[in-house]
PDB file of N, CA and C in Angstrom:
ATOM      1  N   MET A   1     -39.688 -11.898 -25.655  1.00  0.00           N
ATOM      2  CA  MET A   1     -38.606 -12.193 -24.398  1.00  0.00           C
ATOM      3  C   MET A   1     -37.943 -11.145 -24.458  1.00  0.00           C
ATOM      4  N   ASN A   2     -37.206 -10.427 -23.435  1.00  0.00           N
ATOM      5  CA  ASN A   2     -36.316  -9.762 -23.499  1.00  0.00           C
ATOM      6  C   ASN A   2     -35.012 -10.008 -23.047  1.00  0.00           C
ATOM      7  N   GLU A   3     -34.746  -9.444 -23.727  1.00  0.00           N
ATOM      8  CA  GLU A   3     -33.039  -9.932 -24.022  1.00  0.00           C
ATOM      9  C   GLU A   3     -32.901  -9.771 -22.666  1.00  0.00           C
ATOM     10  N   ILE A   4     -31.921 -10.623 -22.204  1.00  0.00           N
ATOM     11  CA  ILE A   4     -30.765  -9.521 -20.758  1.00  0.00           C
ATOM     12  C   ILE A   4     -29.651  -9.098 -21.249  1.00  0.00           C
ATOM     13  N   THR A   5     -29.574  -7.876 -20.072  1.00  0.00           N
ATOM     14  CA  THR A   5     -28.261  -7.310 -20.350  1.00  0.00           C
ATOM     15  C   THR A   5     -26.668  -7.946 -19.906  1.00  0.00           C
ATOM     16  N   ARG A   6     -26.381  -7.372 -21.063  1.00  0.00           N
ATOM     17  CA  ARG A   6     -24.680  -7.730 -20.592  1.00  0.00           C
ATOM     18  C   ARG A   6     -24.548  -7.768 -19.852  1.00  0.00           C
ATOM     19  N   GLN A   7     -24.725  -7.144 -18.030  1.00  0.00           N
ATOM     20  CA  GLN A   7     -23.818  -7.513 -16.907  1.00  0.00           C
ATOM     21  C   GLN A   7     -24.577  -8.361 -16.385  1.00  0.00           C
ATOM     22  N   GLU A   8     -25.593  -8.200 -17.075  1.00  0.00           N
ATOM     23  CA  GLU A   8     -26.599  -9.958 -16.358  1.00  0.00           C
ATOM     24  C   GLU A   8     -26.145 -11.267 -16.737  1.00  0.00           C
ATOM     25  N   PHE A   9     -25.798 -11.124 -18.293  1.00  0.00           N
ATOM     26  CA  PHE A   9     -24.895 -12.629 -18.981  1.00  0.00           C
ATOM     27  C   PHE A   9     -23.341 -13.149 -18.305  1.00  0.00           C
ATOM     28  N   LEU A  10     -22.642 -12.064 -18.529  1.00  0.00           N
ATOM     29  CA  LEU A  10     -21.529 -12.195 -16.871  1.00  0.00           C
ATOM     30  C   LEU A  10     -21.563 -12.103 -15.589  1.00  0.00           C
ATOM     31  N   LYS A  11     -23.113 -12.124 -14.979  1.00  0.00           N
ATOM     32  CA  LYS A  11     -23.306 -12.630 -13.878  1.00  0.00           C
ATOM     33  C   LYS A  11     -23.686 -13.984 -13.495  1.00  0.00           C
ATOM     34  N   ASN A  12     -24.805 -14.434 -14.768  1.00  0.00           N
ATOM     35  CA  ASN A  12     -25.362 -15.540 -14.810  1.00  0.00           C
ATOM     36  C   ASN A  12     -24.071 -16.836 -15.258  1.00  0.00           C
ATOM     37  N   GLN A  13     -23.016 -16.361 -16.108  1.00  0.00           N
ATOM     38  CA  GLN A  13     -22.040 -17.091 -16.080  1.00  0.00           C
ATOM     39  C   GLN A  13     -20.755 -17.139 -15.351  1.00  0.00           C
ATOM     40  N   GLU A  14     -20.867 -16.667 -14.372  1.00  0.00           N
ATOM     41  CA  GLU A  14     -20.213 -16.224 -12.785  1.00  0.00           C
ATOM     42  C   GLU A  14     -20.225 -17.249 -11.589  1.00  0.00           C
ATOM     43  N   ASP A  15     -21.952 -16.638 -12.057  1.00  0.00           N
ATOM     44  CA  ASP A  15     -22.422 -18.412 -11.354  1.00  0.00           C
ATOM     45  C   ASP A  15     -22.643 -19.743 -10.746  1.00  0.00           C
ATOM     46  N   LEU A  16     -22.412 -19.727 -12.441  1.00  0.00           N
ATOM     47  CA  LEU A  16     -22.782 -20.424 -12.445  1.00  0.00           C
ATOM     48  C   LEU A  16     -21.851 -21.385 -12.404  1.00  0.00           C
ATOM     49  N   CYS A  17     -20.515 -20.705 -12.040  1.00  0.00           N
ATOM     50  CA  CYS A  17     -19.695 -21.708 -12.466  1.00  0.00           C
ATOM     51  C   CYS A  17     -19.323 -21.973 -10.731  1.00  0.00           C
ATOM     52  N   LYS A  18     -19.504 -20.849  -9.820  1.00  0.00           N
ATOM     53  CA  LYS A  18     -19.243 -20.886  -9.240  1.00  0.00           C
ATOM     54  C   LYS A  18     -20.146 -22.458  -8.652  1.00  0.00           C
ATOM     55  N   ARG A  19     -21.469 -22.038  -9.375  1.00  0.00           N
ATOM     56  CA  ARG A  19     -21.933 -23.373  -8.357  1.00  0.00           C
ATOM     57  C   ARG A  19     -22.063 -24.672  -8.465  1.00  0.00           C
ATOM     58  N   LYS A  20     -20.911 -24.717  -9.593  1.00  0.00           N
ATOM     59  CA  LYS A  20     -20.538 -26.253 -10.556  1.00  0.00           C
ATOM     60  C   LYS A  20     -19.107 -26.392  -9.880  1.00  0.00           C
ATOM     61  N   ASN A  21     -18.764 -25.435  -9.905  1.00  0.00           N
ATOM     62  CA  ASN A  21     -16.890 -25.263  -8.898  1.00  0.00           C
ATOM     63  C   ASN A  21     -16.435 -25.075 -10.620  1.00  0.00           C
ATOM     64  N   ILE A  22     -16.586 -24.770 -11.866  1.00  0.00           N
ATOM     65  CA  ILE A  22     -15.841 -25.121 -13.050  1.00  0.00           C
ATOM     66  C   ILE A  22     -14.732 -23.800 -13.372  1.00  0.00           C
ATOM     67  N   PRO A  23     -14.041 -23.909 -14.092  1.00  0.00           N
ATOM     68  CA  PRO A  23     -12.952 -22.440 -14.213  1.00  0.00           C
ATOM     69  C   PRO A  23     -14.637 -21.770 -15.093  1.00  0.00           C
ATOM     70  N   PHE A  24     -14.082 -20.248 -14.792  1.00  0.00           N
ATOM     71  CA  PHE A  24     -14.713 -18.964 -16.458  1.00  0.00           C
ATOM     72  C   PHE A  24     -13.517 -18.948 -17.188  1.00  0.00           C
ATOM     73  N   TYR A  25     -14.533 -20.219 -18.504  1.00  0.00           N
ATOM     74  CA  TYR A  25     -13.855 -20.200 -19.359  1.00  0.00           C
ATOM     75  C   TYR A  25     -12.965 -18.924 -20.228  1.00  0.00           C
ATOM     76  N   MET A  26     -14.877 -18.082 -20.324  1.00  0.00           N
ATOM     77  CA  MET A  26     -15.012 -17.065 -21.417  1.00  0.00           C
ATOM     78  C   MET A  26     -14.397 -15.437 -20.984  1.00  0.00           C
ATOM     79  N   PRO A  27     -14.046 -14.890 -21.861  1.00  0.00           N
ATOM     80  CA  PRO A  27     -12.549 -13.794 -20.963  1.00  0.00           C
ATOM     81  C   PRO A  27     -13.600 -12.241 -20.363  1.00  0.00           C
ATOM     82  N   TYR A  28     -13.225 -12.471 -18.799  1.00  0.00           N
ATOM     83  CA  TYR A  28     -14.283 -11.746 -18.158  1.00  0.00           C
ATOM     84  C   TYR A  28     -14.856  -9.628 -19.120  1.00  0.00           C
ATOM     85  N   ASN A  29     -13.875  -9.658 -20.443  1.00  0.00           N
ATOM     86  CA  ASN A  29     -14.261  -8.662 -20.534  1.00  0.00           C
ATOM     87  C   ASN A  29     -15.074  -8.898 -22.265  1.00  0.00           C
ATOM     88  N   GLY A  30     -14.797 -10.106 -22.098  1.00  0.00           N
ATOM     89  CA  GLY A  30     -16.176 -10.859 -22.910  1.00  0.00           C
ATOM     90  C   GLY A  30     -15.639 -10.194 -24.665  1.00  0.00           C
ATOM     91  N   ILE A  31     -14.124 -10.088 -25.531  1.00  0.00           N
ATOM     92  CA  ILE A  31     -13.682  -9.924 -25.791  1.00  0.00           C
ATOM     93  C   ILE A  31     -12.687 -11.185 -25.780  1.00  0.00           C
ATOM     94  N   CYS A  32     -12.742 -11.659 -27.331  1.00  0.00           N
ATOM     95  CA  CYS A  32     -12.312 -12.977 -27.823  1.00  0.00           C
ATOM     96  C   CYS A  32     -11.425 -12.531 -27.827  1.00  0.00           C
ATOM     97  N   PHE A  33     -10.005 -13.058 -27.212  1.00  0.00           N
ATOM     98  CA  PHE A  33      -8.440 -13.669 -26.553  1.00  0.00           C
ATOM     99  C   PHE A  33      -8.072 -13.391 -28.868  1.00  0.00           C
ATOM    100  N   SER A  34      -8.496 -14.546 -29.545  1.00  0.00           N
ATOM    101  CA  SER A  34      -8.677 -14.427 -30.901  1.00  0.00           C
ATOM    102  C   SER A  34      -9.005 -13.434 -32.137  1.00  0.00           C
ATOM    103  N   CYS A  35      -9.843 -12.937 -31.477  1.00  0.00           N
ATOM    104  CA  CYS A  35      -9.993 -12.317 -32.876  1.00  0.00           C
ATOM    105  C   CYS A  35     -10.506 -11.197 -32.581  1.00  0.00           C
ATOM    106  N   ARG A  36     -10.265 -10.982 -31.505  1.00  0.00           N
ATOM    107  CA  ARG A  36     -10.733  -9.868 -30.603  1.00  0.00           C
ATOM    108  C   ARG A  36     -12.111  -8.943 -30.875  1.00  0.00           C
ATOM    109  N   ARG A  37     -12.949  -9.357 -31.007  1.00  0.00           N
ATOM    110  CA  ARG A  37     -14.352  -8.973 -30.725  1.00  0.00           C
ATOM    111  C   ARG A  37     -15.515  -9.217 -29.749  1.00  0.00           C
ATOM    112  N   ASP A  38     -16.117  -9.272 -29.361  1.00  0.00           N
ATOM    113  CA  ASP A  38     -16.890  -9.388 -28.437  1.00  0.00           C
ATOM    114  C   ASP A  38     -17.716  -9.967 -28.851  1.00  0.00           C
ATOM    115  N   ILE A  39     -18.120 -11.099 -27.183  1.00  0.00           N
ATOM    116  CA  ILE A  39     -19.016 -11.704 -27.799  1.00  0.00           C
ATOM    117  C   ILE A  39     -19.991 -11.925 -27.034  1.00  0.00           C
ATOM    118  N   ILE A  40     -20.250 -11.360 -26.210  1.00  0.00           N
ATOM    119  CA  ILE A  40     -21.441 -11.187 -25.879  1.00  0.00           C
ATOM    120  C   ILE A  40     -22.552 -10.615 -26.601  1.00  0.00           C
ATOM    121  N   PRO A  41     -22.456  -9.398 -26.829  1.00  0.00           N
ATOM    122  CA  PRO A  41     -23.354 -10.019 -27.521  1.00  0.00           C
ATOM    123  C   PRO A  41     -24.050 -10.590 -29.170  1.00  0.00           C
ATOM    124  N   VAL A  42     -22.597 -11.062 -29.419  1.00  0.00           N
ATOM    125  CA  VAL A  42     -22.837 -12.411 -30.260  1.00  0.00           C
ATOM    126  C   VAL A  42     -23.970 -13.654 -29.975  1.00  0.00           C
ATOM    127  N   LEU A  43     -23.584 -13.736 -27.954  1.00  0.00           N
ATOM    128  CA  LEU A  43     -24.522 -14.502 -27.407  1.00  0.00           C
ATOM    129  C   LEU A  43     -26.207 -14.964 -27.745  1.00  0.00           C
ATOM    130  N   ILE A  44     -26.007 -13.720 -26.931  1.00  0.00           N
ATOM    131  CA  ILE A  44     -27.219 -13.576 -26.552  1.00  0.00           C
ATOM    132  C   ILE A  44     -28.092 -13.234 -27.103  1.00  0.00           C
ATOM    133  N   LYS A  45     -27.825 -12.459 -29.232  1.00  0.00           N
ATOM    134  CA  LYS A  45     -28.353 -12.841 -30.146  1.00  0.00           C
ATOM    135  C   LYS A  45     -28.820 -13.781 -29.757  1.00  0.00           C
ATOM    136  N   GLN A  46     -27.755 -14.801 -29.646  1.00  0.00           N
ATOM    137  CA  GLN A  46     -28.821 -16.455 -30.482  1.00  0.00           C
ATOM    138  C   GLN A  46     -29.033 -16.771 -29.645  1.00  0.00           C
ATOM    139  N   GLY A  47     -29.549 -16.120 -28.024  1.00  0.00           N
ATOM    140  CA  GLY A  47     -30.582 -16.395 -27.731  1.00  0.00           C
ATOM    141  C   GLY A  47     -29.995 -17.591 -25.823  1.00  0.00           C
ATOM    142  N   GLU A  48     -28.496 -17.073 -26.074  1.00  0.00           N
ATOM    143  CA  GLU A  48     -28.391 -17.228 -24.324  1.00  0.00           C
ATOM    144  C   GLU A  48     -28.097 -16.246 -23.394  1.00  0.00           C
ATOM    145  N   THR A  49     -28.170 -16.596 -22.171  1.00  0.00           N
ATOM    146  CA  THR A  49     -28.221 -16.223 -20.791  1.00  0.00           C
ATOM    147  C   THR A  49     -27.699 -16.251 -19.830  1.00  0.00           C
ATOM    148  N   GLY A  50     -26.656 -17.437 -20.549  1.00  0.00           N
ATOM    149  CA  GLY A  50     -24.701 -17.737 -19.070  1.00  0.00           C
ATOM    150  C   GLY A  50     -25.061 -18.674 -18.682  1.00  0.00           C
ATOM    151  N   ASN A  51     -26.657 -18.952 -19.450  1.00  0.00           N
ATOM    152  CA  ASN A  51     -26.493 -20.486 -18.424  1.00  0.00           C
ATOM    153  C   ASN A  51     -26.014 -21.611 -18.730  1.00  0.00           C
ATOM    154  N   ALA A  52     -25.698 -21.078 -19.685  1.00  0.00           N
ATOM    155  CA  ALA A  52     -24.407 -22.768 -20.112  1.00  0.00           C
ATOM    156  C   ALA A  52     -23.009 -21.615 -20.390  1.00  0.00           C
ATOM    157  N   LEU A  53     -22.741 -22.911 -19.943  1.00  0.00           N
ATOM    158  CA  LEU A  53     -21.334 -22.573 -20.095  1.00  0.00           C
ATOM    159  C   LEU A  53     -20.500 -22.185 -21.010  1.00  0.00           C
ATOM    160  N   VAL A  54     -19.813 -21.374 -21.314  1.00  0.00           N
ATOM    161  CA  VAL A  54     -19.486 -21.198 -22.622  1.00  0.00           C
ATOM    162  C   VAL A  54     -17.503 -21.480 -22.559  1.00  0.00           C
ATOM    163  N   THR A  55     -17.729 -22.217 -23.001  1.00  0.00           N
ATOM    164  CA  THR A  55     -15.284 -22.061 -23.994  1.00  0.00           C
ATOM    165  C   THR A  55     -15.418 -22.252 -24.783  1.00  0.00           C
ATOM    166  N   GLY A  56     -16.231 -21.198 -25.962  1.00  0.00           N
ATOM    167  CA  GLY A  56     -15.075 -20.512 -26.809  1.00  0.00           C
ATOM    168  C   GLY A  56     -16.446 -19.974 -27.534  1.00  0.00           C
ATOM    169  N   CYS A  57     -15.138 -19.272 -28.361  1.00  0.00           N
ATOM    170  CA  CYS A  57     -15.849 -18.061 -29.580  1.00  0.00           C
ATOM    171  C   CYS A  57     -16.714 -18.465 -30.342  1.00  0.00           C
ATOM    172  N   PRO A  58     -18.500 -17.494 -30.555  1.00  0.00           N
ATOM    173  CA  PRO A  58     -19.787 -18.415 -31.119  1.00  0.00           C
ATOM    174  C   PRO A  58     -18.818 -17.063 -32.762  1.00  0.00           C
ATOM    175  N   ILE A  59     -18.102 -16.361 -32.666  1.00  0.00           N
ATOM    176  CA  ILE A  59     -18.013 -15.554 -33.639  1.00  0.00           C
ATOM    177  C   ILE A  59     -16.411 -17.282 -34.651  1.00  0.00           C
ATOM    178  N   CYS A  60     -15.427 -17.084 -34.143  1.00  0.00           N
ATOM    179  CA  CYS A  60     -14.427 -17.230 -35.184  1.00  0.00           C
ATOM    180  C   CYS A  60     -13.774 -18.839 -34.416  1.00  0.00           C
ATOM    181  N   ASN A  61     -14.088 -19.099 -34.037  1.00  0.00           N
ATOM    182  CA  ASN A  61     -14.932 -21.227 -32.836  1.00  0.00           C
ATOM    183  C   ASN A  61     -13.098 -21.387 -32.792  1.00  0.00           C
ATOM    184  N   ARG A  62     -12.998 -20.770 -32.030  1.00  0.00           N
ATOM    185  CA  ARG A  62     -11.454 -20.290 -30.555  1.00  0.00           C
ATOM    186  C   ARG A  62     -11.711 -21.474 -30.259  1.00  0.00           C
ATOM    187  N   SER A  63     -11.469 -22.565 -29.008  1.00  0.00           N
ATOM    188  CA  SER A  63     -11.889 -22.367 -27.990  1.00  0.00           C
ATOM    189  C   SER A  63     -10.969 -21.871 -26.596  1.00  0.00           C
ATOM    190  N   TYR A  64     -11.674 -21.709 -25.243  1.00  0.00           N
ATOM    191  CA  TYR A  64     -10.973 -21.230 -24.917  1.00  0.00           C
ATOM    192  C   TYR A  64     -10.885 -22.066 -23.042  1.00  0.00           C
ATOM    193  N   ASP A  65     -10.976 -23.198 -23.718  1.00  0.00           N
ATOM    194  CA  ASP A  65     -10.698 -24.529 -22.894  1.00  0.00           C
ATOM    195  C   ASP A  65      -9.303 -25.368 -22.953  1.00  0.00           C
ATOM    196  N   ASP A  66      -8.897 -24.766 -23.706  1.00  0.00           N
ATOM    197  CA  ASP A  66      -7.259 -25.760 -24.228  1.00  0.00           C
ATOM    198  C   ASP A  66      -6.681 -25.958 -23.022  1.00  0.00           C
TER     199      ASP A  66
END
């Protein structure tokens, strides 16, 4: 299985939010507001494609939808 790119992940997340009319919770640059780490490579490594809503940091568990 091929990993998706950062750009594909962000596009998928943006498309999901537009399609379902829900807020884009995750940081647009992929850097967590709390721990300042890049969450996108972690999410991709976990098998995420951006087609499921990201509402928190997979590293520090900070919620983005508070």
